[in-house]
Amino acid sequence: MKKSEIEVRKLPKKSIITIIIMSVIIVIGFTFEVFTINLKMEEVLADLGHKHISNIKVVNKMRVEDNETRLKSTVYKVTFFDDDLKKECIGFVHRSNHGEYSKDIDCN
């Protein structure tokens, strides 16, 4: 068989439609998750003293464990603009396994 005679089969329309629908659902789900995480973090930061913020972005979410107590918790890396201070802020928000939040944020 020569190289010019290789037959290429096309995907059936049903498979293409299924792939497109699944891709759209994934994009919508990811967008919804990012939106809800940012909204929740905006609420938490308001409780921690940053009332008027904009451009919030959760950069990373990490599960951490204390080596001594073996307690697991979550740490969020966030960036945002504090409208009261007129400064860009970056730092960490820690959520304990009891649901209590603390912050380590630096504003420049």
PDB file of N, CA and C in Angstrom:
ATOM      1  N   MET A   1       0.830  -1.172   0.000  1.00  0.00           N
ATOM      2  CA  MET A   1       0.000   0.000   0.000  1.00  0.00           C
ATOM      3  C   MET A   1       0.878   1.240   0.000  1.00  0.00           C
ATOM      4  N   LYS A   2       0.598   2.166  -0.870  1.00  0.00           N
ATOM      5  CA  LYS A   2       1.379   3.391  -0.967  1.00  0.00           C
ATOM      6  C   LYS A   2       0.901   4.385   0.074  1.00  0.00           C
ATOM      7  N   LYS A   3       1.776   5.322   0.410  1.00  0.00           N
ATOM      8  CA  LYS A   3       1.431   6.334   1.397  1.00  0.00           C
ATOM      9  C   LYS A   3       0.276   7.205   0.934  1.00  0.00           C
ATOM     10  N   SER A   4       0.153   7.450  -0.323  1.00  0.00           N
ATOM     11  CA  SER A   4      -0.912   8.308  -0.826  1.00  0.00           C
ATOM     12  C   SER A   4      -2.271   7.608  -0.811  1.00  0.00           C
ATOM     13  N   GLU A   5      -2.309   6.303  -0.573  1.00  0.00           N
ATOM     14  CA  GLU A   5      -3.549   5.551  -0.602  1.00  0.00           C
ATOM     15  C   GLU A   5      -4.085   5.224   0.797  1.00  0.00           C
ATOM     16  N   ILE A   6      -3.561   5.858   1.836  1.00  0.00           N
ATOM     17  CA  ILE A   6      -4.023   5.585   3.197  1.00  0.00           C
ATOM     18  C   ILE A   6      -5.417   6.188   3.379  1.00  0.00           C
ATOM     19  N   GLU A   7      -6.341   5.353   3.859  1.00  0.00           N
ATOM     20  CA  GLU A   7      -7.719   5.792   4.034  1.00  0.00           C
ATOM     21  C   GLU A   7      -7.884   6.415   5.423  1.00  0.00           C
ATOM     22  N   VAL A   8      -8.503   7.584   5.460  1.00  0.00           N
ATOM     23  CA  VAL A   8      -8.769   8.270   6.722  1.00  0.00           C
ATOM     24  C   VAL A   8     -10.264   8.236   6.965  1.00  0.00           C
ATOM     25  N   ARG A   9     -10.648   7.707   8.124  1.00  0.00           N
ATOM     26  CA  ARG A   9     -12.069   7.617   8.452  1.00  0.00           C
ATOM     27  C   ARG A   9     -12.475   8.840   9.266  1.00  0.00           C
ATOM     28  N   LYS A  10     -13.635   9.363   8.947  1.00  0.00           N
ATOM     29  CA  LYS A  10     -14.154  10.521   9.668  1.00  0.00           C
ATOM     30  C   LYS A  10     -14.953  10.047  10.870  1.00  0.00           C
ATOM     31  N   LEU A  11     -14.989  10.896  11.917  1.00  0.00           N
ATOM     32  CA  LEU A  11     -15.787  10.580  13.095  1.00  0.00           C
ATOM     33  C   LEU A  11     -17.267  10.709  12.752  1.00  0.00           C
ATOM     34  N   PRO A  12     -18.072   9.830  13.307  1.00  0.00           N
ATOM     35  CA  PRO A  12     -19.515   9.950  13.070  1.00  0.00           C
ATOM     36  C   PRO A  12     -20.064  11.230  13.726  1.00  0.00           C
ATOM     37  N   LYS A  13     -21.151  11.758  13.139  1.00  0.00           N
ATOM     38  CA  LYS A  13     -21.745  12.996  13.657  1.00  0.00           C
ATOM     39  C   LYS A  13     -22.185  12.841  15.106  1.00  0.00           C
ATOM     40  N   LYS A  14     -22.682  11.680  15.476  1.00  0.00           N
ATOM     41  CA  LYS A  14     -23.143  11.434  16.833  1.00  0.00           C
ATOM     42  C   LYS A  14     -21.981  11.579  17.829  1.00  0.00           C
ATOM     43  N   SER A  15     -20.807  11.084  17.471  1.00  0.00           N
ATOM     44  CA  SER A  15     -19.626  11.199  18.343  1.00  0.00           C
ATOM     45  C   SER A  15     -19.172  12.648  18.461  1.00  0.00           C
ATOM     46  N   ILE A  16     -19.198  13.375  17.381  1.00  0.00           N
ATOM     47  CA  ILE A  16     -18.789  14.786  17.394  1.00  0.00           C
ATOM     48  C   ILE A  16     -19.725  15.595  18.281  1.00  0.00           C
ATOM     49  N   ILE A  17     -21.034  15.364  18.160  1.00  0.00           N
ATOM     50  CA  ILE A  17     -22.015  16.085  18.975  1.00  0.00           C
ATOM     51  C   ILE A  17     -21.816  15.742  20.453  1.00  0.00           C
ATOM     52  N   THR A  18     -21.569  14.469  20.759  1.00  0.00           N
ATOM     53  CA  THR A  18     -21.338  14.055  22.142  1.00  0.00           C
ATOM     54  C   THR A  18     -20.096  14.737  22.716  1.00  0.00           C
ATOM     55  N   ILE A  19     -19.031  14.799  21.965  1.00  0.00           N
ATOM     56  CA  ILE A  19     -17.794  15.452  22.406  1.00  0.00           C
ATOM     57  C   ILE A  19     -18.023  16.937  22.656  1.00  0.00           C
ATOM     58  N   ILE A  20     -18.749  17.602  21.770  1.00  0.00           N
ATOM     59  CA  ILE A  20     -19.036  19.038  21.923  1.00  0.00           C
ATOM     60  C   ILE A  20     -19.884  19.286  23.172  1.00  0.00           C
ATOM     61  N   ILE A  21     -20.919  18.480  23.376  1.00  0.00           N
ATOM     62  CA  ILE A  21     -21.787  18.648  24.544  1.00  0.00           C
ATOM     63  C   ILE A  21     -20.997  18.431  25.837  1.00  0.00           C
ATOM     64  N   MET A  22     -20.168  17.397  25.883  1.00  0.00           N
ATOM     65  CA  MET A  22     -19.359  17.131  27.080  1.00  0.00           C
ATOM     66  C   MET A  22     -18.373  18.263  27.340  1.00  0.00           C
ATOM     67  N   SER A  23     -17.782  18.814  26.297  1.00  0.00           N
ATOM     68  CA  SER A  23     -16.841  19.922  26.452  1.00  0.00           C
ATOM     69  C   SER A  23     -17.529  21.163  27.000  1.00  0.00           C
ATOM     70  N   VAL A  24     -18.717  21.464  26.504  1.00  0.00           N
ATOM     71  CA  VAL A  24     -19.472  22.625  26.988  1.00  0.00           C
ATOM     72  C   VAL A  24     -19.849  22.450  28.458  1.00  0.00           C
ATOM     73  N   ILE A  25     -20.276  21.245  28.837  1.00  0.00           N
ATOM     74  CA  ILE A  25     -20.631  20.973  30.231  1.00  0.00           C
ATOM     75  C   ILE A  25     -19.411  21.144  31.141  1.00  0.00           C
ATOM     76  N   ILE A  26     -18.260  20.681  30.714  1.00  0.00           N
ATOM     77  CA  ILE A  26     -17.038  20.810  31.507  1.00  0.00           C
ATOM     78  C   ILE A  26     -16.658  22.278  31.682  1.00  0.00           C
ATOM     79  N   VAL A  27     -16.724  23.057  30.621  1.00  0.00           N
ATOM     80  CA  VAL A  27     -16.379  24.484  30.701  1.00  0.00           C
ATOM     81  C   VAL A  27     -17.351  25.214  31.630  1.00  0.00           C
ATOM     82  N   ILE A  28     -18.633  24.936  31.524  1.00  0.00           N
ATOM     83  CA  ILE A  28     -19.631  25.567  32.398  1.00  0.00           C
ATOM     84  C   ILE A  28     -19.390  25.164  33.857  1.00  0.00           C
ATOM     85  N   GLY A  29     -19.110  23.903  34.097  1.00  0.00           N
ATOM     86  CA  GLY A  29     -18.841  23.428  35.460  1.00  0.00           C
ATOM     87  C   GLY A  29     -17.615  24.068  36.062  1.00  0.00           C
ATOM     88  N   PHE A  30     -16.547  24.176  35.288  1.00  0.00           N
ATOM     89  CA  PHE A  30     -15.311  24.800  35.776  1.00  0.00           C
ATOM     90  C   PHE A  30     -15.545  26.273  36.080  1.00  0.00           C
ATOM     91  N   THR A  31     -16.232  26.974  35.206  1.00  0.00           N
ATOM     92  CA  THR A  31     -16.527  28.390  35.420  1.00  0.00           C
ATOM     93  C   THR A  31     -17.370  28.589  36.673  1.00  0.00           C
ATOM     94  N   PHE A  32     -18.364  27.737  36.887  1.00  0.00           N
ATOM     95  CA  PHE A  32     -19.211  27.818  38.068  1.00  0.00           C
ATOM     96  C   PHE A  32     -18.409  27.585  39.344  1.00  0.00           C
ATOM     97  N   GLU A  33     -17.509  26.599  39.322  1.00  0.00           N
ATOM     98  CA  GLU A  33     -16.688  26.297  40.499  1.00  0.00           C
ATOM     99  C   GLU A  33     -15.763  27.461  40.843  1.00  0.00           C
ATOM    100  N   VAL A  34     -15.105  28.043  39.847  1.00  0.00           N
ATOM    101  CA  VAL A  34     -14.217  29.188  40.080  1.00  0.00           C
ATOM    102  C   VAL A  34     -15.016  30.363  40.631  1.00  0.00           C
ATOM    103  N   PHE A  35     -16.184  30.614  40.072  1.00  0.00           N
ATOM    104  CA  PHE A  35     -17.029  31.718  40.535  1.00  0.00           C
ATOM    105  C   PHE A  35     -17.440  31.530  41.996  1.00  0.00           C
ATOM    106  N   THR A  36     -17.876  30.321  42.354  1.00  0.00           N
ATOM    107  CA  THR A  36     -18.325  30.089  43.727  1.00  0.00           C
ATOM    108  C   THR A  36     -17.179  30.140  44.726  1.00  0.00           C
ATOM    109  N   ILE A  37     -15.998  29.663  44.366  1.00  0.00           N
ATOM    110  CA  ILE A  37     -14.839  29.742  45.264  1.00  0.00           C
ATOM    111  C   ILE A  37     -14.465  31.201  45.489  1.00  0.00           C
ATOM    112  N   ASN A  38     -14.431  32.007  44.428  1.00  0.00           N
ATOM    113  CA  ASN A  38     -14.105  33.426  44.571  1.00  0.00           C
ATOM    114  C   ASN A  38     -15.150  34.155  45.408  1.00  0.00           C
ATOM    115  N   LEU A  39     -16.418  33.821  45.220  1.00  0.00           N
ATOM    116  CA  LEU A  39     -17.487  34.454  45.991  1.00  0.00           C
ATOM    117  C   LEU A  39     -17.371  34.101  47.478  1.00  0.00           C
ATOM    118  N   LYS A  40     -17.098  32.848  47.779  1.00  0.00           N
ATOM    119  CA  LYS A  40     -16.935  32.411  49.166  1.00  0.00           C
ATOM    120  C   LYS A  40     -15.720  33.093  49.797  1.00  0.00           C
ATOM    121  N   MET A  41     -14.624  33.194  49.060  1.00  0.00           N
ATOM    122  CA  MET A  41     -13.418  33.814  49.602  1.00  0.00           C
ATOM    123  C   MET A  41     -13.634  35.305  49.826  1.00  0.00           C
ATOM    124  N   GLU A  42     -14.424  35.950  48.982  1.00  0.00           N
ATOM    125  CA  GLU A  42     -14.751  37.364  49.179  1.00  0.00           C
ATOM    126  C   GLU A  42     -15.518  37.542  50.497  1.00  0.00           C
ATOM    127  N   GLU A  43     -16.430  36.629  50.786  1.00  0.00           N
ATOM    128  CA  GLU A  43     -17.195  36.668  52.035  1.00  0.00           C
ATOM    129  C   GLU A  43     -16.283  36.436  53.246  1.00  0.00           C
ATOM    130  N   VAL A  44     -15.379  35.479  53.136  1.00  0.00           N
ATOM    131  CA  VAL A  44     -14.453  35.177  54.235  1.00  0.00           C
ATOM    132  C   VAL A  44     -13.533  36.361  54.496  1.00  0.00           C
ATOM    133  N   LEU A  45     -13.000  36.977  53.439  1.00  0.00           N
ATOM    134  CA  LEU A  45     -12.116  38.130  53.610  1.00  0.00           C
ATOM    135  C   LEU A  45     -12.858  39.311  54.227  1.00  0.00           C
ATOM    136  N   ALA A  46     -14.130  39.468  53.925  1.00  0.00           N
ATOM    137  CA  ALA A  46     -14.918  40.526  54.546  1.00  0.00           C
ATOM    138  C   ALA A  46     -15.023  40.286  56.049  1.00  0.00           C
ATOM    139  N   ASP A  47     -15.193  39.041  56.456  1.00  0.00           N
ATOM    140  CA  ASP A  47     -15.237  38.703  57.877  1.00  0.00           C
ATOM    141  C   ASP A  47     -13.887  38.914  58.558  1.00  0.00           C
ATOM    142  N   LEU A  48     -12.802  38.776  57.795  1.00  0.00           N
ATOM    143  CA  LEU A  48     -11.449  38.925  58.356  1.00  0.00           C
ATOM    144  C   LEU A  48     -10.944  40.365  58.308  1.00  0.00           C
ATOM    145  N   GLY A  49     -11.762  41.317  57.838  1.00  0.00           N
ATOM    146  CA  GLY A  49     -11.382  42.720  57.903  1.00  0.00           C
ATOM    147  C   GLY A  49     -11.169  43.420  56.581  1.00  0.00           C
ATOM    148  N   HIS A  50     -11.249  42.735  55.470  1.00  0.00           N
ATOM    149  CA  HIS A  50     -11.095  43.361  54.149  1.00  0.00           C
ATOM    150  C   HIS A  50     -12.493  43.490  53.536  1.00  0.00           C
ATOM    151  N   LYS A  51     -13.194  44.558  53.904  1.00  0.00           N
ATOM    152  CA  LYS A  51     -14.610  44.713  53.539  1.00  0.00           C
ATOM    153  C   LYS A  51     -14.822  45.059  52.062  1.00  0.00           C
ATOM    154  N   HIS A  52     -14.032  45.986  51.539  1.00  0.00           N
ATOM    155  CA  HIS A  52     -14.227  46.466  50.164  1.00  0.00           C
ATOM    156  C   HIS A  52     -13.065  45.997  49.305  1.00  0.00           C
ATOM    157  N   ILE A  53     -13.288  44.889  48.589  1.00  0.00           N
ATOM    158  CA  ILE A  53     -12.240  44.334  47.734  1.00  0.00           C
ATOM    159  C   ILE A  53     -12.790  44.119  46.330  1.00  0.00           C
ATOM    160  N   SER A  54     -11.869  44.034  45.393  1.00  0.00           N
ATOM    161  CA  SER A  54     -12.235  43.751  44.004  1.00  0.00           C
ATOM    162  C   SER A  54     -11.139  42.912  43.373  1.00  0.00           C
ATOM    163  N   ASN A  55     -11.403  42.399  42.204  1.00  0.00           N
ATOM    164  CA  ASN A  55     -10.447  41.587  41.443  1.00  0.00           C
ATOM    165  C   ASN A  55      -9.897  40.426  42.261  1.00  0.00           C
ATOM    166  N   ILE A  56     -10.750  39.751  43.010  1.00  0.00           N
ATOM    167  CA  ILE A  56     -10.296  38.626  43.827  1.00  0.00           C
ATOM    168  C   ILE A  56     -10.046  37.416  42.946  1.00  0.00           C
ATOM    169  N   LYS A  57      -8.968  36.704  43.265  1.00  0.00           N
ATOM    170  CA  LYS A  57      -8.634  35.498  42.522  1.00  0.00           C
ATOM    171  C   LYS A  57      -8.023  34.489  43.490  1.00  0.00           C
ATOM    172  N   VAL A  58      -8.596  33.300  43.534  1.00  0.00           N
ATOM    173  CA  VAL A  58      -8.020  32.213  44.317  1.00  0.00           C
ATOM    174  C   VAL A  58      -7.021  31.517  43.407  1.00  0.00           C
ATOM    175  N   VAL A  59      -5.747  31.693  43.724  1.00  0.00           N
ATOM    176  CA  VAL A  59      -4.685  31.167  42.870  1.00  0.00           C
ATOM    177  C   VAL A  59      -4.519  29.667  43.061  1.00  0.00           C
ATOM    178  N   ASN A  60      -4.595  29.228  44.329  1.00  0.00           N
ATOM    179  CA  ASN A  60      -4.312  27.833  44.626  1.00  0.00           C
ATOM    180  C   ASN A  60      -5.074  27.405  45.868  1.00  0.00           C
ATOM    181  N   LYS A  61      -5.435  26.144  45.925  1.00  0.00           N
ATOM    182  CA  LYS A  61      -6.086  25.553  47.091  1.00  0.00           C
ATOM    183  C   LYS A  61      -5.302  24.299  47.441  1.00  0.00           C
ATOM    184  N   MET A  62      -4.789  24.245  48.683  1.00  0.00           N
ATOM    185  CA  MET A  62      -3.948  23.114  49.085  1.00  0.00           C
ATOM    186  C   MET A  62      -4.507  22.463  50.347  1.00  0.00           C
ATOM    187  N   ARG A  63      -4.507  21.150  50.386  1.00  0.00           N
ATOM    188  CA  ARG A  63      -4.835  20.409  51.598  1.00  0.00           C
ATOM    189  C   ARG A  63      -3.528  20.211  52.358  1.00  0.00           C
ATOM    190  N   VAL A  64      -3.500  20.605  53.630  1.00  0.00           N
ATOM    191  CA  VAL A  64      -2.295  20.486  54.444  1.00  0.00           C
ATOM    192  C   VAL A  64      -2.607  19.683  55.696  1.00  0.00           C
ATOM    193  N   GLU A  65      -1.552  19.137  56.310  1.00  0.00           N
ATOM    194  CA  GLU A  65      -1.709  18.345  57.524  1.00  0.00           C
ATOM    195  C   GLU A  65      -0.627  18.741  58.512  1.00  0.00           C
ATOM    196  N   ASP A  66      -1.021  18.969  59.759  1.00  0.00           N
ATOM    197  CA  ASP A  66      -0.078  19.270  60.827  1.00  0.00           C
ATOM    198  C   ASP A  66       0.645  17.981  61.201  1.00  0.00           C
ATOM    199  N   ASN A  67       1.983  18.004  61.173  1.00  0.00           N
ATOM    200  CA  ASN A  67       2.761  16.791  61.431  1.00  0.00           C
ATOM    201  C   ASN A  67       2.592  16.280  62.861  1.00  0.00           C
ATOM    202  N   GLU A  68       2.433  17.175  63.817  1.00  0.00           N
ATOM    203  CA  GLU A  68       2.340  16.757  65.215  1.00  0.00           C
ATOM    204  C   GLU A  68       0.947  16.240  65.574  1.00  0.00           C
ATOM    205  N   THR A  69      -0.089  16.974  65.189  1.00  0.00           N
ATOM    206  CA  THR A  69      -1.452  16.612  65.588  1.00  0.00           C
ATOM    207  C   THR A  69      -2.176  15.760  64.559  1.00  0.00           C
ATOM    208  N   ARG A  70      -1.658  15.694  63.354  1.00  0.00           N
ATOM    209  CA  ARG A  70      -2.275  14.951  62.245  1.00  0.00           C
ATOM    210  C   ARG A  70      -3.637  15.526  61.849  1.00  0.00           C
ATOM    211  N   LEU A  71      -3.882  16.800  62.180  1.00  0.00           N
ATOM    212  CA  LEU A  71      -5.122  17.453  61.780  1.00  0.00           C
ATOM    213  C   LEU A  71      -4.973  18.014  60.379  1.00  0.00           C
ATOM    214  N   LYS A  72      -5.980  17.796  59.558  1.00  0.00           N
ATOM    215  CA  LYS A  72      -5.945  18.265  58.178  1.00  0.00           C
ATOM    216  C   LYS A  72      -6.721  19.570  58.064  1.00  0.00           C
ATOM    217  N   SER A  73      -6.250  20.465  57.195  1.00  0.00           N
ATOM    218  CA  SER A  73      -6.914  21.743  56.962  1.00  0.00           C
ATOM    219  C   SER A  73      -6.655  22.165  55.524  1.00  0.00           C
ATOM    220  N   THR A  74      -7.182  23.325  55.164  1.00  0.00           N
ATOM    221  CA  THR A  74      -7.054  23.821  53.792  1.00  0.00           C
ATOM    222  C   THR A  74      -6.441  25.213  53.807  1.00  0.00           C
ATOM    223  N   VAL A  75      -5.535  25.471  52.869  1.00  0.00           N
ATOM    224  CA  VAL A  75      -4.916  26.786  52.715  1.00  0.00           C
ATOM    225  C   VAL A  75      -5.201  27.278  51.304  1.00  0.00           C
ATOM    226  N   TYR A  76      -5.723  28.519  51.207  1.00  0.00           N
ATOM    227  CA  TYR A  76      -6.010  29.144  49.921  1.00  0.00           C
ATOM    228  C   TYR A  76      -5.007  30.268  49.693  1.00  0.00           C
ATOM    229  N   LYS A  77      -4.406  30.315  48.516  1.00  0.00           N
ATOM    230  CA  LYS A  77      -3.565  31.448  48.136  1.00  0.00           C
ATOM    231  C   LYS A  77      -4.452  32.391  47.332  1.00  0.00           C
ATOM    232  N   VAL A  78      -4.544  33.652  47.786  1.00  0.00           N
ATOM    233  CA  VAL A  78      -5.450  34.605  47.158  1.00  0.00           C
ATOM    234  C   VAL A  78      -4.723  35.894  46.785  1.00  0.00           C
ATOM    235  N   THR A  79      -5.234  36.533  45.743  1.00  0.00           N
ATOM    236  CA  THR A  79      -4.802  37.881  45.371  1.00  0.00           C
ATOM    237  C   THR A  79      -6.064  38.715  45.177  1.00  0.00           C
ATOM    238  N   PHE A  80      -5.982  39.997  45.575  1.00  0.00           N
ATOM    239  CA  PHE A  80      -7.116  40.888  45.411  1.00  0.00           C
ATOM    240  C   PHE A  80      -6.656  42.328  45.561  1.00  0.00           C
ATOM    241  N   PHE A  81      -7.523  43.248  45.185  1.00  0.00           N
ATOM    242  CA  PHE A  81      -7.251  44.673  45.351  1.00  0.00           C
ATOM    243  C   PHE A  81      -8.140  45.189  46.471  1.00  0.00           C
ATOM    244  N   ASP A  82      -7.521  45.755  47.514  1.00  0.00           N
ATOM    245  CA  ASP A  82      -8.262  46.324  48.641  1.00  0.00           C
ATOM    246  C   ASP A  82      -8.605  47.765  48.306  1.00  0.00           C
ATOM    247  N   ASP A  83      -9.892  48.060  48.107  1.00  0.00           N
ATOM    248  CA  ASP A  83     -10.326  49.395  47.708  1.00  0.00           C
ATOM    249  C   ASP A  83     -10.148  50.423  48.822  1.00  0.00           C
ATOM    250  N   ASP A  84     -10.224  50.001  50.087  1.00  0.00           N
ATOM    251  CA  ASP A  84     -10.028  50.926  51.208  1.00  0.00           C
ATOM    252  C   ASP A  84      -8.572  51.371  51.306  1.00  0.00           C
ATOM    253  N   LEU A  85      -7.638  50.415  51.169  1.00  0.00           N
ATOM    254  CA  LEU A  85      -6.206  50.723  51.268  1.00  0.00           C
ATOM    255  C   LEU A  85      -5.615  51.201  49.949  1.00  0.00           C
ATOM    256  N   LYS A  86      -6.334  50.974  48.844  1.00  0.00           N
ATOM    257  CA  LYS A  86      -5.847  51.276  47.486  1.00  0.00           C
ATOM    258  C   LYS A  86      -4.540  50.534  47.204  1.00  0.00           C
ATOM    259  N   LYS A  87      -4.500  49.255  47.615  1.00  0.00           N
ATOM    260  CA  LYS A  87      -3.293  48.441  47.442  1.00  0.00           C
ATOM    261  C   LYS A  87      -3.655  47.055  46.925  1.00  0.00           C
ATOM    262  N   GLU A  88      -2.719  46.475  46.221  1.00  0.00           N
ATOM    263  CA  GLU A  88      -2.837  45.097  45.756  1.00  0.00           C
ATOM    264  C   GLU A  88      -2.373  44.186  46.894  1.00  0.00           C
ATOM    265  N   CYS A  89      -3.160  43.168  47.206  1.00  0.00           N
ATOM    266  CA  CYS A  89      -2.854  42.276  48.321  1.00  0.00           C
ATOM    267  C   CYS A  89      -2.683  40.844  47.822  1.00  0.00           C
ATOM    268  N   ILE A  90      -1.781  40.125  48.482  1.00  0.00           N
ATOM    269  CA  ILE A  90      -1.546  38.711  48.185  1.00  0.00           C
ATOM    270  C   ILE A  90      -1.251  38.013  49.497  1.00  0.00           C
ATOM    271  N   GLY A  91      -1.705  36.787  49.606  1.00  0.00           N
ATOM    272  CA  GLY A  91      -1.431  36.058  50.835  1.00  0.00           C
ATOM    273  C   GLY A  91      -2.198  34.762  50.921  1.00  0.00           C
ATOM    274  N   PHE A  92      -2.288  34.264  52.161  1.00  0.00           N
ATOM    275  CA  PHE A  92      -2.898  32.966  52.407  1.00  0.00           C
ATOM    276  C   PHE A  92      -4.067  33.102  53.375  1.00  0.00           C
ATOM    277  N   VAL A  93      -5.104  32.318  53.121  1.00  0.00           N
ATOM    278  CA  VAL A  93      -6.229  32.203  54.038  1.00  0.00           C
ATOM    279  C   VAL A  93      -6.280  30.741  54.456  1.00  0.00           C
ATOM    280  N   HIS A  94      -6.209  30.515  55.769  1.00  0.00           N
ATOM    281  CA  HIS A  94      -6.173  29.166  56.321  1.00  0.00           C
ATOM    282  C   HIS A  94      -7.542  28.812  56.880  1.00  0.00           C
ATOM    283  N   ARG A  95      -8.065  27.665  56.493  1.00  0.00           N
ATOM    284  CA  ARG A  95      -9.334  27.155  57.029  1.00  0.00           C
ATOM    285  C   ARG A  95      -9.025  25.904  57.832  1.00  0.00           C
ATOM    286  N   SER A  96      -9.280  25.982  59.142  1.00  0.00           N
ATOM    287  CA  SER A  96      -9.013  24.833  60.007  1.00  0.00           C
ATOM    288  C   SER A  96     -10.072  23.759  59.789  1.00  0.00           C
ATOM    289  N   ASN A  97      -9.830  22.594  60.378  1.00  0.00           N
ATOM    290  CA  ASN A  97     -10.803  21.512  60.229  1.00  0.00           C
ATOM    291  C   ASN A  97     -12.073  21.791  61.028  1.00  0.00           C
ATOM    292  N   HIS A  98     -12.065  22.837  61.867  1.00  0.00           N
ATOM    293  CA  HIS A  98     -13.259  23.245  62.614  1.00  0.00           C
ATOM    294  C   HIS A  98     -14.045  24.319  61.867  1.00  0.00           C
ATOM    295  N   GLY A  99     -13.572  24.739  60.684  1.00  0.00           N
ATOM    296  CA  GLY A  99     -14.266  25.741  59.895  1.00  0.00           C
ATOM    297  C   GLY A  99     -13.912  27.166  60.242  1.00  0.00           C
ATOM    298  N   GLU A 100     -12.868  27.370  61.050  1.00  0.00           N
ATOM    299  CA  GLU A 100     -12.432  28.713  61.423  1.00  0.00           C
ATOM    300  C   GLU A 100     -11.378  29.197  60.430  1.00  0.00           C
ATOM    301  N   TYR A 101     -11.453  30.491  60.093  1.00  0.00           N
ATOM    302  CA  TYR A 101     -10.541  31.057  59.113  1.00  0.00           C
ATOM    303  C   TYR A 101      -9.534  31.994  59.785  1.00  0.00           C
ATOM    304  N   SER A 102      -8.315  32.025  59.249  1.00  0.00           N
ATOM    305  CA  SER A 102      -7.299  32.989  59.657  1.00  0.00           C
ATOM    306  C   SER A 102      -6.580  33.429  58.396  1.00  0.00           C
ATOM    307  N   LYS A 103      -5.839  34.537  58.495  1.00  0.00           N
ATOM    308  CA  LYS A 103      -5.206  35.076  57.293  1.00  0.00           C
ATOM    309  C   LYS A 103      -3.752  35.425  57.536  1.00  0.00           C
ATOM    310  N   ASP A 104      -2.992  35.406  56.462  1.00  0.00           N
ATOM    311  CA  ASP A 104      -1.613  35.913  56.430  1.00  0.00           C
ATOM    312  C   ASP A 104      -1.493  36.646  55.095  1.00  0.00           C
ATOM    313  N   ILE A 105      -1.864  37.918  55.100  1.00  0.00           N
ATOM    314  CA  ILE A 105      -1.973  38.686  53.853  1.00  0.00           C
ATOM    315  C   ILE A 105      -1.087  39.916  53.921  1.00  0.00           C
ATOM    316  N   ASP A 106      -0.380  40.190  52.819  1.00  0.00           N
ATOM    317  CA  ASP A 106       0.497  41.349  52.710  1.00  0.00           C
ATOM    318  C   ASP A 106      -0.034  42.250  51.598  1.00  0.00           C
ATOM    319  N   CYS A 107      -0.221  43.528  51.902  1.00  0.00           N
ATOM    320  CA  CYS A 107      -0.728  44.489  50.924  1.00  0.00           C
ATOM    321  C   CYS A 107       0.373  45.484  50.562  1.00  0.00           C
ATOM    322  N   ASN A 108       0.645  45.637  49.278  1.00  0.00           N
ATOM    323  CA  ASN A 108       1.685  46.565  48.793  1.00  0.00           C
ATOM    324  C   ASN A 108       1.071  47.616  47.906  1.00  0.00           C
TER     325      ASN A 108
END
